[in-house]
PDB file of N, CA and C in Angstrom:
ATOM      1  N   MET A   1      84.403  80.975  12.419  1.00  0.00           N
ATOM      2  CA  MET A   1      84.848  79.636  12.226  1.00  0.00           C
ATOM      3  C   MET A   1      83.416  78.976  11.740  1.00  0.00           C
ATOM      4  N   ASP A   2      83.355  77.953  11.007  1.00  0.00           N
ATOM      5  CA  ASP A   2      81.973  77.139  10.294  1.00  0.00           C
ATOM      6  C   ASP A   2      81.899  75.959  10.983  1.00  0.00           C
ATOM      7  N   LEU A   3      81.431  75.218  11.050  1.00  0.00           N
ATOM      8  CA  LEU A   3      80.903  74.143  11.115  1.00  0.00           C
ATOM      9  C   LEU A   3      81.567  72.913  11.375  1.00  0.00           C
ATOM     10  N   GLU A   4      82.285  72.503  10.319  1.00  0.00           N
ATOM     11  CA  GLU A   4      83.282  71.827   9.816  1.00  0.00           C
ATOM     12  C   GLU A   4      84.882  72.213  10.149  1.00  0.00           C
ATOM     13  N   ALA A   5      84.754  73.267  10.591  1.00  0.00           N
ATOM     14  CA  ALA A   5      86.131  73.694  10.943  1.00  0.00           C
ATOM     15  C   ALA A   5      85.982  72.960  12.511  1.00  0.00           C
ATOM     16  N   ARG A   6      85.264  73.489  12.886  1.00  0.00           N
ATOM     17  CA  ARG A   6      85.073  73.348  14.539  1.00  0.00           C
ATOM     18  C   ARG A   6      84.818  71.731  14.985  1.00  0.00           C
ATOM     19  N   LYS A   7      84.006  71.245  14.264  1.00  0.00           N
ATOM     20  CA  LYS A   7      84.066  69.607  14.433  1.00  0.00           C
ATOM     21  C   LYS A   7      85.279  69.371  14.247  1.00  0.00           C
ATOM     22  N   THR A   8      86.880  69.147  13.312  1.00  0.00           N
ATOM     23  CA  THR A   8      88.025  69.078  12.885  1.00  0.00           C
ATOM     24  C   THR A   8      88.289  69.089  13.885  1.00  0.00           C
ATOM     25  N   GLU A   9      88.753  70.630  14.132  1.00  0.00           N
ATOM     26  CA  GLU A   9      89.085  70.852  15.555  1.00  0.00           C
ATOM     27  C   GLU A   9      88.939  70.376  17.103  1.00  0.00           C
ATOM     28  N   PHE A  10      87.568  70.034  17.046  1.00  0.00           N
ATOM     29  CA  PHE A  10      86.882  69.156  18.299  1.00  0.00           C
ATOM     30  C   PHE A  10      87.588  67.609  17.993  1.00  0.00           C
ATOM     31  N   ILE A  11      87.395  66.901  17.067  1.00  0.00           N
ATOM     32  CA  ILE A  11      88.209  66.071  16.558  1.00  0.00           C
ATOM     33  C   ILE A  11      89.835  66.181  17.327  1.00  0.00           C
ATOM     34  N   ARG A  12      90.416  66.710  16.736  1.00  0.00           N
ATOM     35  CA  ARG A  12      92.020  66.710  16.951  1.00  0.00           C
ATOM     36  C   ARG A  12      92.121  66.623  18.685  1.00  0.00           C
ATOM     37  N   GLU A  13      91.558  67.894  19.532  1.00  0.00           N
ATOM     38  CA  GLU A  13      91.583  67.719  20.550  1.00  0.00           C
ATOM     39  C   GLU A  13      90.819  66.673  21.347  1.00  0.00           C
ATOM     40  N   PHE A  14      89.830  65.873  20.594  1.00  0.00           N
ATOM     41  CA  PHE A  14      89.911  64.518  21.623  1.00  0.00           C
ATOM     42  C   PHE A  14      90.555  63.473  21.298  1.00  0.00           C
ATOM     43  N   LEU A  15      91.266  63.628  20.151  1.00  0.00           N
ATOM     44  CA  LEU A  15      92.553  62.478  19.468  1.00  0.00           C
ATOM     45  C   LEU A  15      93.573  62.409  21.311  1.00  0.00           C
ATOM     46  N   LYS A  16      93.968  63.845  21.286  1.00  0.00           N
ATOM     47  CA  LYS A  16      94.655  63.997  22.119  1.00  0.00           C
ATOM     48  C   LYS A  16      94.291  63.455  23.902  1.00  0.00           C
ATOM     49  N   LEU A  17      93.210  63.399  23.710  1.00  0.00           N
ATOM     50  CA  LEU A  17      92.717  63.360  25.554  1.00  0.00           C
ATOM     51  C   LEU A  17      93.376  61.743  25.683  1.00  0.00           C
ATOM     52  N   GLN A  18      93.747  61.762  27.088  1.00  0.00           N
ATOM     53  CA  GLN A  18      94.411  60.422  27.542  1.00  0.00           C
ATOM     54  C   GLN A  18      93.424  59.528  28.560  1.00  0.00           C
ATOM     55  N   SER A  19      93.040  60.348  28.999  1.00  0.00           N
ATOM     56  CA  SER A  19      91.730  60.209  29.990  1.00  0.00           C
ATOM     57  C   SER A  19      90.350  59.567  29.560  1.00  0.00           C
ATOM     58  N   GLU A  20      90.426  58.039  30.611  1.00  0.00           N
ATOM     59  CA  GLU A  20      89.396  57.570  30.041  1.00  0.00           C
ATOM     60  C   GLU A  20      88.059  58.198  30.600  1.00  0.00           C
ATOM     61  N   GLU A  21      88.104  58.622  31.626  1.00  0.00           N
ATOM     62  CA  GLU A  21      87.448  59.515  32.636  1.00  0.00           C
ATOM     63  C   GLU A  21      86.498  60.297  30.961  1.00  0.00           C
ATOM     64  N   ALA A  22      87.518  61.372  30.812  1.00  0.00           N
ATOM     65  CA  ALA A  22      87.235  62.418  30.016  1.00  0.00           C
ATOM     66  C   ALA A  22      86.319  61.903  28.969  1.00  0.00           C
ATOM     67  N   ILE A  23      87.034  60.926  28.359  1.00  0.00           N
ATOM     68  CA  ILE A  23      86.514  60.198  27.295  1.00  0.00           C
ATOM     69  C   ILE A  23      84.838  59.441  27.134  1.00  0.00           C
ATOM     70  N   ALA A  24      84.679  58.476  28.591  1.00  0.00           N
ATOM     71  CA  ALA A  24      83.422  58.456  29.245  1.00  0.00           C
ATOM     72  C   ALA A  24      82.182  59.575  29.189  1.00  0.00           C
ATOM     73  N   ARG A  25      82.782  60.978  29.845  1.00  0.00           N
ATOM     74  CA  ARG A  25      81.831  61.757  30.117  1.00  0.00           C
ATOM     75  C   ARG A  25      81.406  62.329  28.488  1.00  0.00           C
ATOM     76  N   LEU A  26      82.355  62.301  27.985  1.00  0.00           N
ATOM     77  CA  LEU A  26      82.124  62.894  26.330  1.00  0.00           C
ATOM     78  C   LEU A  26      80.712  61.891  25.729  1.00  0.00           C
ATOM     79  N   GLU A  27      81.001  60.500  25.782  1.00  0.00           N
ATOM     80  CA  GLU A  27      80.432  59.664  25.105  1.00  0.00           C
ATOM     81  C   GLU A  27      78.860  60.159  25.794  1.00  0.00           C
ATOM     82  N   LYS A  28      78.547  59.998  27.286  1.00  0.00           N
ATOM     83  CA  LYS A  28      77.636  60.042  27.314  1.00  0.00           C
ATOM     84  C   LYS A  28      76.621  61.523  26.922  1.00  0.00           C
ATOM     85  N   VAL A  29      77.895  62.490  26.807  1.00  0.00           N
ATOM     86  CA  VAL A  29      77.105  63.255  26.230  1.00  0.00           C
ATOM     87  C   VAL A  29      76.901  63.310  24.783  1.00  0.00           C
ATOM     88  N   LEU A  30      77.764  62.790  24.253  1.00  0.00           N
ATOM     89  CA  LEU A  30      77.468  62.960  22.804  1.00  0.00           C
ATOM     90  C   LEU A  30      75.942  61.596  22.158  1.00  0.00           C
ATOM     91  N   LYS A  31      75.525  60.503  23.225  1.00  0.00           N
ATOM     92  CA  LYS A  31      74.893  59.699  23.461  1.00  0.00           C
ATOM     93  C   LYS A  31      73.287  60.773  23.645  1.00  0.00           C
ATOM     94  N   LYS A  32      73.376  61.172  24.764  1.00  0.00           N
ATOM     95  CA  LYS A  32      72.441  61.881  25.060  1.00  0.00           C
ATOM     96  C   LYS A  32      71.533  62.915  23.970  1.00  0.00           C
ATOM     97  N   GLU A  33      72.641  64.131  22.932  1.00  0.00           N
ATOM     98  CA  GLU A  33      72.545  64.790  21.559  1.00  0.00           C
ATOM     99  C   GLU A  33      71.664  63.866  21.132  1.00  0.00           C
ATOM    100  N   LYS A  34      72.563  63.423  20.937  1.00  0.00           N
ATOM    101  CA  LYS A  34      71.832  61.874  19.739  1.00  0.00           C
ATOM    102  C   LYS A  34      70.829  61.942  19.998  1.00  0.00           C
ATOM    103  N   LYS A  35      70.422  61.203  20.973  1.00  0.00           N
ATOM    104  CA  LYS A  35      68.570  60.711  21.934  1.00  0.00           C
ATOM    105  C   LYS A  35      67.918  62.155  21.543  1.00  0.00           C
ATOM    106  N   LEU A  36      68.228  63.157  21.810  1.00  0.00           N
ATOM    107  CA  LEU A  36      67.550  64.290  21.473  1.00  0.00           C
ATOM    108  C   LEU A  36      67.317  64.923  20.248  1.00  0.00           C
ATOM    109  N   SER A  37      68.061  65.166  19.536  1.00  0.00           N
ATOM    110  CA  SER A  37      68.116  66.028  18.413  1.00  0.00           C
ATOM    111  C   SER A  37      67.282  64.389  17.220  1.00  0.00           C
ATOM    112  N   GLY A  38      67.341  63.304  17.810  1.00  0.00           N
ATOM    113  CA  GLY A  38      66.682  62.533  16.935  1.00  0.00           C
ATOM    114  C   GLY A  38      64.569  62.447  17.050  1.00  0.00           C
ATOM    115  N   ASN A  39      64.503  62.715  18.375  1.00  0.00           N
ATOM    116  CA  ASN A  39      63.285  62.827  18.780  1.00  0.00           C
ATOM    117  C   ASN A  39      62.607  64.119  18.155  1.00  0.00           C
ATOM    118  N   LYS A  40      63.516  65.296  17.704  1.00  0.00           N
ATOM    119  CA  LYS A  40      62.761  66.352  17.401  1.00  0.00           C
ATOM    120  C   LYS A  40      62.036  65.566  15.658  1.00  0.00           C
ATOM    121  N   ASP A  41      62.535  65.120  14.746  1.00  0.00           N
ATOM    122  CA  ASP A  41      61.611  64.538  13.776  1.00  0.00           C
ATOM    123  C   ASP A  41      60.782  63.808  13.621  1.00  0.00           C
ATOM    124  N   ILE A  42      60.692  62.881  15.138  1.00  0.00           N
ATOM    125  CA  ILE A  42      59.296  62.267  15.134  1.00  0.00           C
ATOM    126  C   ILE A  42      57.975  63.109  15.212  1.00  0.00           C
ATOM    127  N   GLN A  43      56.906  63.269  14.179  1.00  0.00           N
ATOM    128  CA  GLN A  43      55.991  63.280  14.950  1.00  0.00           C
ATOM    129  C   GLN A  43      54.954  62.304  15.045  1.00  0.00           C
ATOM    130  N   PRO A  44      53.905  62.690  16.007  1.00  0.00           N
ATOM    131  CA  PRO A  44      52.648  61.686  16.626  1.00  0.00           C
ATOM    132  C   PRO A  44      52.297  61.394  14.956  1.00  0.00           C
ATOM    133  N   MET A  45      51.302  60.430  15.101  1.00  0.00           N
ATOM    134  CA  MET A  45      50.085  59.490  13.668  1.00  0.00           C
ATOM    135  C   MET A  45      48.928  60.153  14.704  1.00  0.00           C
ATOM    136  N   THR A  46      48.166  60.768  13.850  1.00  0.00           N
ATOM    137  CA  THR A  46      46.730  61.060  14.082  1.00  0.00           C
ATOM    138  C   THR A  46      45.954  59.270  14.265  1.00  0.00           C
ATOM    139  N   VAL A  47      45.051  59.732  14.607  1.00  0.00           N
ATOM    140  CA  VAL A  47      43.590  58.724  14.847  1.00  0.00           C
ATOM    141  C   VAL A  47      43.855  57.807  13.646  1.00  0.00           C
ATOM    142  N   GLN A  48      43.552  58.567  12.131  1.00  0.00           N
ATOM    143  CA  GLN A  48      43.460  58.560  11.240  1.00  0.00           C
ATOM    144  C   GLN A  48      43.966  57.382  10.364  1.00  0.00           C
ATOM    145  N   GLU A  49      45.977  58.012  10.545  1.00  0.00           N
ATOM    146  CA  GLU A  49      46.995  57.289  10.201  1.00  0.00           C
ATOM    147  C   GLU A  49      46.829  55.906  10.962  1.00  0.00           C
ATOM    148  N   PHE A  50      46.748  56.085  11.943  1.00  0.00           N
ATOM    149  CA  PHE A  50      47.036  54.957  12.740  1.00  0.00           C
ATOM    150  C   PHE A  50      45.846  53.746  12.404  1.00  0.00           C
ATOM    151  N   ASN A  51      44.790  54.258  12.345  1.00  0.00           N
ATOM    152  CA  ASN A  51      43.496  53.055  11.820  1.00  0.00           C
ATOM    153  C   ASN A  51      43.632  52.536  10.639  1.00  0.00           C
ATOM    154  N   ASN A  52      44.353  53.552   9.660  1.00  0.00           N
ATOM    155  CA  ASN A  52      45.059  52.836   8.386  1.00  0.00           C
ATOM    156  C   ASN A  52      45.739  51.888   8.772  1.00  0.00           C
ATOM    157  N   ARG A  53      46.555  51.720   9.401  1.00  0.00           N
ATOM    158  CA  ARG A  53      48.047  51.298   9.283  1.00  0.00           C
ATOM    159  C   ARG A  53      47.800  49.929   9.545  1.00  0.00           C
ATOM    160  N   ILE A  54      46.687  49.670  10.943  1.00  0.00           N
ATOM    161  CA  ILE A  54      45.852  48.862  11.702  1.00  0.00           C
ATOM    162  C   ILE A  54      45.288  48.648  10.336  1.00  0.00           C
ATOM    163  N   ASP A  55      44.548  48.776   9.820  1.00  0.00           N
ATOM    164  CA  ASP A  55      44.067  48.164   8.284  1.00  0.00           C
ATOM    165  C   ASP A  55      44.490  47.733   7.133  1.00  0.00           C
ATOM    166  N   GLN A  56      45.836  48.004   7.326  1.00  0.00           N
ATOM    167  CA  GLN A  56      46.494  47.684   6.085  1.00  0.00           C
ATOM    168  C   GLN A  56      47.522  46.640   6.488  1.00  0.00           C
ATOM    169  N   SER A  57      47.732  46.096   7.955  1.00  0.00           N
ATOM    170  CA  SER A  57      48.756  45.430   8.560  1.00  0.00           C
ATOM    171  C   SER A  57      47.637  44.135   9.150  1.00  0.00           C
ATOM    172  N   MET A  58      46.170  44.344   8.867  1.00  0.00           N
ATOM    173  CA  MET A  58      45.483  43.228   8.386  1.00  0.00           C
ATOM    174  C   MET A  58      45.426  42.765   7.718  1.00  0.00           C
ATOM    175  N   LYS A  59      45.095  43.488   6.456  1.00  0.00           N
ATOM    176  CA  LYS A  59      44.961  43.043   5.464  1.00  0.00           C
ATOM    177  C   LYS A  59      46.331  42.271   4.633  1.00  0.00           C
ATOM    178  N   ASP A  60      47.514  42.879   5.174  1.00  0.00           N
ATOM    179  CA  ASP A  60      48.627  42.166   4.915  1.00  0.00           C
ATOM    180  C   ASP A  60      48.351  40.647   5.493  1.00  0.00           C
ATOM    181  N   SER A  61      47.952  40.673   6.568  1.00  0.00           N
ATOM    182  CA  SER A  61      48.525  39.330   7.127  1.00  0.00           C
ATOM    183  C   SER A  61      47.240  38.717   7.019  1.00  0.00           C
ATOM    184  N   SER A  62      46.069  38.716   6.213  1.00  0.00           N
ATOM    185  CA  SER A  62      45.212  37.955   5.108  1.00  0.00           C
ATOM    186  C   SER A  62      45.728  37.117   3.953  1.00  0.00           C
ATOM    187  N   GLU A  63      46.816  38.417   3.393  1.00  0.00           N
ATOM    188  CA  GLU A  63      46.904  38.096   2.262  1.00  0.00           C
ATOM    189  C   GLU A  63      48.209  36.937   2.420  1.00  0.00           C
ATOM    190  N   GLY A  64      48.852  37.282   3.228  1.00  0.00           N
ATOM    191  CA  GLY A  64      50.178  35.980   3.838  1.00  0.00           C
ATOM    192  C   GLY A  64      51.549  36.806   3.459  1.00  0.00           C
ATOM    193  N   LYS A  65      51.826  38.557   3.493  1.00  0.00           N
ATOM    194  CA  LYS A  65      52.315  38.924   3.002  1.00  0.00           C
ATOM    195  C   LYS A  65      53.324  39.367   4.522  1.00  0.00           C
ATOM    196  N   LEU A  66      53.260  38.244   5.484  1.00  0.00           N
ATOM    197  CA  LEU A  66      54.755  38.425   7.081  1.00  0.00           C
ATOM    198  C   LEU A  66      55.466  37.201   6.228  1.00  0.00           C
ATOM    199  N   THR A  67      56.267  37.945   7.096  1.00  0.00           N
ATOM    200  CA  THR A  67      57.860  37.637   7.729  1.00  0.00           C
ATOM    201  C   THR A  67      57.395  36.750   8.767  1.00  0.00           C
ATOM    202  N   ASP A  68      58.100  35.213   8.709  1.00  0.00           N
ATOM    203  CA  ASP A  68      58.254  34.602  10.253  1.00  0.00           C
ATOM    204  C   ASP A  68      59.392  35.357  11.040  1.00  0.00           C
ATOM    205  N   ALA A  69      59.166  35.410  12.437  1.00  0.00           N
ATOM    206  CA  ALA A  69      60.288  36.024  13.101  1.00  0.00           C
ATOM    207  C   ALA A  69      61.375  34.815  13.437  1.00  0.00           C
ATOM    208  N   ASP A  70      61.329  33.720  13.080  1.00  0.00           N
ATOM    209  CA  ASP A  70      62.937  32.892  12.599  1.00  0.00           C
ATOM    210  C   ASP A  70      63.196  32.947  11.362  1.00  0.00           C
ATOM    211  N   ASP A  71      62.718  33.352  10.313  1.00  0.00           N
ATOM    212  CA  ASP A  71      63.577  33.553   9.725  1.00  0.00           C
ATOM    213  C   ASP A  71      64.072  35.004   9.413  1.00  0.00           C
ATOM    214  N   LEU A  72      63.075  35.753   9.693  1.00  0.00           N
ATOM    215  CA  LEU A  72      63.706  37.401  10.303  1.00  0.00           C
ATOM    216  C   LEU A  72      65.277  37.438  10.566  1.00  0.00           C
ATOM    217  N   ILE A  73      64.719  36.386  11.498  1.00  0.00           N
ATOM    218  CA  ILE A  73      66.594  36.399  12.799  1.00  0.00           C
ATOM    219  C   ILE A  73      67.004  35.689  12.012  1.00  0.00           C
ATOM    220  N   ALA A  74      67.024  35.080  11.099  1.00  0.00           N
ATOM    221  CA  ALA A  74      68.045  34.089  10.504  1.00  0.00           C
ATOM    222  C   ALA A  74      68.853  34.718   9.519  1.00  0.00           C
ATOM    223  N   ASP A  75      67.759  35.711   8.556  1.00  0.00           N
ATOM    224  CA  ASP A  75      68.279  36.424   8.017  1.00  0.00           C
ATOM    225  C   ASP A  75      69.483  37.811   8.294  1.00  0.00           C
ATOM    226  N   ILE A  76      68.879  38.293   9.736  1.00  0.00           N
ATOM    227  CA  ILE A  76      69.575  38.951  10.254  1.00  0.00           C
ATOM    228  C   ILE A  76      71.446  38.492  10.567  1.00  0.00           C
ATOM    229  N   ASP A  77      71.022  37.610  11.012  1.00  0.00           N
ATOM    230  CA  ASP A  77      72.594  35.870  11.125  1.00  0.00           C
ATOM    231  C   ASP A  77      73.617  36.447  10.011  1.00  0.00           C
ATOM    232  N   LYS A  78      72.522  36.679   8.891  1.00  0.00           N
ATOM    233  CA  LYS A  78      73.934  36.526   7.708  1.00  0.00           C
ATOM    234  C   LYS A  78      73.999  37.716   7.635  1.00  0.00           C
ATOM    235  N   TRP A  79      73.550  39.112   7.764  1.00  0.00           N
ATOM    236  CA  TRP A  79      74.386  39.799   7.934  1.00  0.00           C
ATOM    237  C   TRP A  79      75.565  40.661   7.824  1.00  0.00           C
ATOM    238  N   SER A  80      76.053  39.617   9.096  1.00  0.00           N
ATOM    239  CA  SER A  80      77.509  39.716   9.584  1.00  0.00           C
ATOM    240  C   SER A  80      78.269  38.827   9.098  1.00  0.00           C
TER     241      SER A  80
END
């Protein structure tokens, strides 16, 4: 059985569940798995990359290329 067929079968079985406890346990497993699999793609920066980011941030700040936190929050509030 290929991955897509397995996922489809899992969803069908999940939809049949009537136990809140079983669903809560599966939600925990899913959250944990997402957290673990999401961290695989993250690579630490080198010191040089870190210093370059700092330099760029300082340059952006001196050139006024910043967004005020209140403006950002106002923009986010418009999303919904």
